[in-house]
Amino acid sequence: MPTIFNFMGYKFYFWSLEGNEPVHIHMAKSFTPNGTKFWLLSNGEVVLANDKTRISDKELIKAKKFLKDNYNFNIARMAKPIIFY
């Protein structure tokens, strides 16, 4: 579960090979498979998929804004599994 970055005391990370979900990133104070999840859509939108770690609305708004402001090809690419041929 590589950490992409830390923000507001939260780790933003991904798990590889999570099935057929949209590209997404997890957010939690420590690594957990049940971290809060944001989908990173190809049009640059960031959508809250779930809040399993029960982060406050205020912090979710800040995190979503941070993700949207920093969303670019690198974040989307890092959250996808790397496949070698």
C-alpha atoms as a PDB file:
ATOM      1  CA  MET A   1       0.000   0.000   0.000  1.00  0.00           C
ATOM      2  CA  PRO A   2       2.177   2.819  -1.246  1.00  0.00           C
ATOM      3  CA  THR A   3       1.573   6.214   0.319  1.00  0.00           C
ATOM      4  CA  ILE A   4       1.114   8.853  -2.354  1.00  0.00           C
ATOM      5  CA  PHE A   5       1.222  11.745   0.103  1.00  0.00           C
ATOM      6  CA  ASN A   6       0.347  12.905   3.623  1.00  0.00           C
ATOM      7  CA  PHE A   7      -2.038  15.801   4.249  1.00  0.00           C
ATOM      8  CA  MET A   8      -3.732  17.048   7.445  1.00  0.00           C
ATOM      9  CA  GLY A   9      -2.262  14.107   9.366  1.00  0.00           C
ATOM     10  CA  TYR A  10      -3.822  11.561   6.976  1.00  0.00           C
ATOM     11  CA  LYS A  11      -2.098   9.117   4.677  1.00  0.00           C
ATOM     12  CA  PHE A  12      -3.357   8.955   1.103  1.00  0.00           C
ATOM     13  CA  TYR A  13      -2.569   5.546  -0.349  1.00  0.00           C
ATOM     14  CA  PHE A  14      -3.735   2.870  -2.728  1.00  0.00           C
ATOM     15  CA  TRP A  15      -3.934  -0.890  -2.890  1.00  0.00           C
ATOM     16  CA  SER A  16      -3.022  -2.573  -6.138  1.00  0.00           C
ATOM     17  CA  LEU A  17      -5.340  -4.945  -7.972  1.00  0.00           C
ATOM     18  CA  GLU A  18      -8.598  -4.003  -6.246  1.00  0.00           C
ATOM     19  CA  GLY A  19     -10.861  -5.260  -8.996  1.00  0.00           C
ATOM     20  CA  ASN A  20     -12.925  -3.284 -11.445  1.00  0.00           C
ATOM     21  CA  GLU A  21     -13.522  -0.127  -9.402  1.00  0.00           C
ATOM     22  CA  PRO A  22     -12.768   3.314 -10.819  1.00  0.00           C
ATOM     23  CA  VAL A  23      -9.290   4.653 -10.053  1.00  0.00           C
ATOM     24  CA  HIS A  24      -9.368   5.656  -6.401  1.00  0.00           C
ATOM     25  CA  ILE A  25      -7.326   6.652  -3.392  1.00  0.00           C
ATOM     26  CA  HIS A  26      -7.776   5.756   0.284  1.00  0.00           C
ATOM     27  CA  MET A  27      -7.431   8.190   3.176  1.00  0.00           C
ATOM     28  CA  ALA A  28      -6.857   7.228   6.823  1.00  0.00           C
ATOM     29  CA  LYS A  29      -4.678   8.067   9.828  1.00  0.00           C
ATOM     30  CA  SER A  30      -2.986   4.668   9.424  1.00  0.00           C
ATOM     31  CA  PHE A  31      -3.132   1.968   6.771  1.00  0.00           C
ATOM     32  CA  THR A  32      -6.387   0.055   6.703  1.00  0.00           C
ATOM     33  CA  PRO A  33      -8.229  -1.766   3.926  1.00  0.00           C
ATOM     34  CA  ASN A  34     -11.350   0.098   5.076  1.00  0.00           C
ATOM     35  CA  GLY A  35     -10.029   3.629   4.670  1.00  0.00           C
ATOM     36  CA  THR A  36     -12.199   6.438   3.385  1.00  0.00           C
ATOM     37  CA  LYS A  37     -12.202   6.228  -0.408  1.00  0.00           C
ATOM     38  CA  PHE A  38     -12.293   8.858  -3.138  1.00  0.00           C
ATOM     39  CA  TRP A  39     -12.788   7.964  -6.792  1.00  0.00           C
ATOM     40  CA  LEU A  40     -10.517   9.916  -9.160  1.00  0.00           C
ATOM     41  CA  LEU A  41     -12.495  10.230 -12.365  1.00  0.00           C
ATOM     42  CA  SER A  42     -10.925  10.717 -15.784  1.00  0.00           C
ATOM     43  CA  ASN A  43     -12.625  14.122 -16.169  1.00  0.00           C
ATOM     44  CA  GLY A  44     -10.721  15.442 -13.117  1.00  0.00           C
ATOM     45  CA  GLU A  45     -13.642  15.129 -10.695  1.00  0.00           C
ATOM     46  CA  VAL A  46     -13.084  13.684  -7.222  1.00  0.00           C
ATOM     47  CA  VAL A  47     -16.022  11.777  -5.734  1.00  0.00           C
ATOM     48  CA  LEU A  48     -16.337  10.475  -2.172  1.00  0.00           C
ATOM     49  CA  ALA A  49     -16.995   6.741  -2.593  1.00  0.00           C
ATOM     50  CA  ASN A  50     -17.275   5.959   1.133  1.00  0.00           C
ATOM     51  CA  ASP A  51     -16.302   7.302   4.531  1.00  0.00           C
ATOM     52  CA  LYS A  52     -15.658   4.092   6.443  1.00  0.00           C
ATOM     53  CA  THR A  53     -13.203   5.810   8.799  1.00  0.00           C
ATOM     54  CA  ARG A  54     -15.797   8.460   9.694  1.00  0.00           C
ATOM     55  CA  ILE A  55     -13.778  11.557   8.962  1.00  0.00           C
ATOM     56  CA  SER A  56     -15.505  14.835   9.824  1.00  0.00           C
ATOM     57  CA  ASP A  57     -17.343  16.668   7.056  1.00  0.00           C
ATOM     58  CA  LYS A  58     -14.992  19.632   7.483  1.00  0.00           C
ATOM     59  CA  GLU A  59     -11.913  17.448   6.919  1.00  0.00           C
ATOM     60  CA  LEU A  60     -13.568  15.596   4.011  1.00  0.00           C
ATOM     61  CA  ILE A  61     -14.259  18.918   2.284  1.00  0.00           C
ATOM     62  CA  LYS A  62     -10.618  19.977   2.748  1.00  0.00           C
ATOM     63  CA  ALA A  63      -9.323  16.605   1.534  1.00  0.00           C
ATOM     64  CA  LYS A  64     -11.592  16.599  -1.513  1.00  0.00           C
ATOM     65  CA  LYS A  65     -10.501  20.142  -2.398  1.00  0.00           C
ATOM     66  CA  PHE A  66      -6.851  19.168  -1.950  1.00  0.00           C
ATOM     67  CA  LEU A  67      -7.291  16.117  -4.201  1.00  0.00           C
ATOM     68  CA  LYS A  68      -9.157  18.115  -6.837  1.00  0.00           C
ATOM     69  CA  ASP A  69      -6.618  20.978  -6.763  1.00  0.00           C
ATOM     70  CA  ASN A  70      -3.755  18.499  -7.128  1.00  0.00           C
ATOM     71  CA  TYR A  71      -5.434  16.019  -9.424  1.00  0.00           C
ATOM     72  CA  ASN A  72      -3.337  15.444 -12.481  1.00  0.00           C
ATOM     73  CA  PHE A  73      -2.080  12.641 -14.613  1.00  0.00           C
ATOM     74  CA  ASN A  74       0.506  11.626 -11.999  1.00  0.00           C
ATOM     75  CA  ILE A  75      -2.035  11.033  -9.209  1.00  0.00           C
ATOM     76  CA  ALA A  76      -4.353   9.090 -11.506  1.00  0.00           C
ATOM     77  CA  ARG A  77      -1.455   7.060 -12.907  1.00  0.00           C
ATOM     78  CA  MET A  78      -0.097   6.214  -9.444  1.00  0.00           C
ATOM     79  CA  ALA A  79      -3.457   4.847  -8.317  1.00  0.00           C
ATOM     80  CA  LYS A  80      -3.635   2.390 -11.246  1.00  0.00           C
ATOM     81  CA  PRO A  81      -2.008  -1.012 -11.093  1.00  0.00           C
ATOM     82  CA  ILE A  82       1.178  -1.186 -13.128  1.00  0.00           C
ATOM     83  CA  ILE A  83       1.104  -4.017 -15.612  1.00  0.00           C
ATOM     84  CA  PHE A  84       4.295  -5.222 -17.251  1.00  0.00           C
ATOM     85  CA  TYR A  85       4.114  -7.073 -20.572  1.00  0.00           C
END
